[in-house]
Amino acid sequence: MKFLVIGATGATGKLLVSQLLEKGHEVRAIARSKDKLPENLRTHQNCEVIEGALLDFGDEKLSELIQGCQGVGSCLGHNMTFKGIYGKPRLLVTEAVKRLCSTAKSPIRFVLMNTTGNRNRDLNEPISPAQKIVIGLIRLLVPPHLDNEKASDVLRLTYPNGSNVEWVVVRPDGLIDKDKVSEYELHQSPTRSAIFDAGKTSRINVAHFMASLLTDQGVFSEWKNQMPVIYNKQ
């Protein structure tokens, strides 16, 4: 199978590309610069790297990129610099999700990396008054958080069950770096406060779960049209 990966040069995106290639699949990776992908990935016989900024591509080009792919894995995010956080485009992830899904001409599986700080409004997840205030401030002061919320809403509200786009929004907690995949837990909703009692999730575990969602029908069916939370197992 072939998969499109956006945000492929990010810390988690590179791991997702690697996980998919290790499973024997083909990857079409979008990167502003090929050189930002590790050499073993960009020179892999099953990895096709498309250089450019996703939102600079026209709809015809996006449709061409997604054509022939069975799924899309998005690890797209904002660079953690002043320009990356406060510069344009403010809704980078939202616009990418919206445009890719709207240009898909055949059924597609979409797996989006998000954050546990983004509540699943479909489940009316409880939130303490203090956390609600803090999240409200973050929403106002840190544009990427609002982008995460709106990106998941594109999938939740535009593509219900039975749509040509089937999706899963993966919500990791505090991201850390580890060399190997370890045991991890999956929950429908957070089991701890993302603000006051954050857990840890290794990026490689996020990549492993996303790759499993894209390639394993059983895993995908279990979480389809949901927003699972992932923590490292303690």
Foldseek 3Di string as FASTA:
>chain_A
DEEEEEPCLDPLNLLLLVLLVVVVAAYEYEELDLVSHPPCRSPDPRYHYDHDQQVVDDLVVLLVSCPPHQEYEYPDAFDPDPCRFPNPPLLSLQVNLLSNVVSHPAQHEYEYEAALLAFDVVVVDDDDPVSVVVSVVCVVPTSRNVSRNNNLCCCLPVPDPPRSYKYEYEHEAAEDADDDAADKDKDLHDPDDSPPGIAYDYSSNVSNLSSCLSPPPVSVVVGISGYIYMHHDD
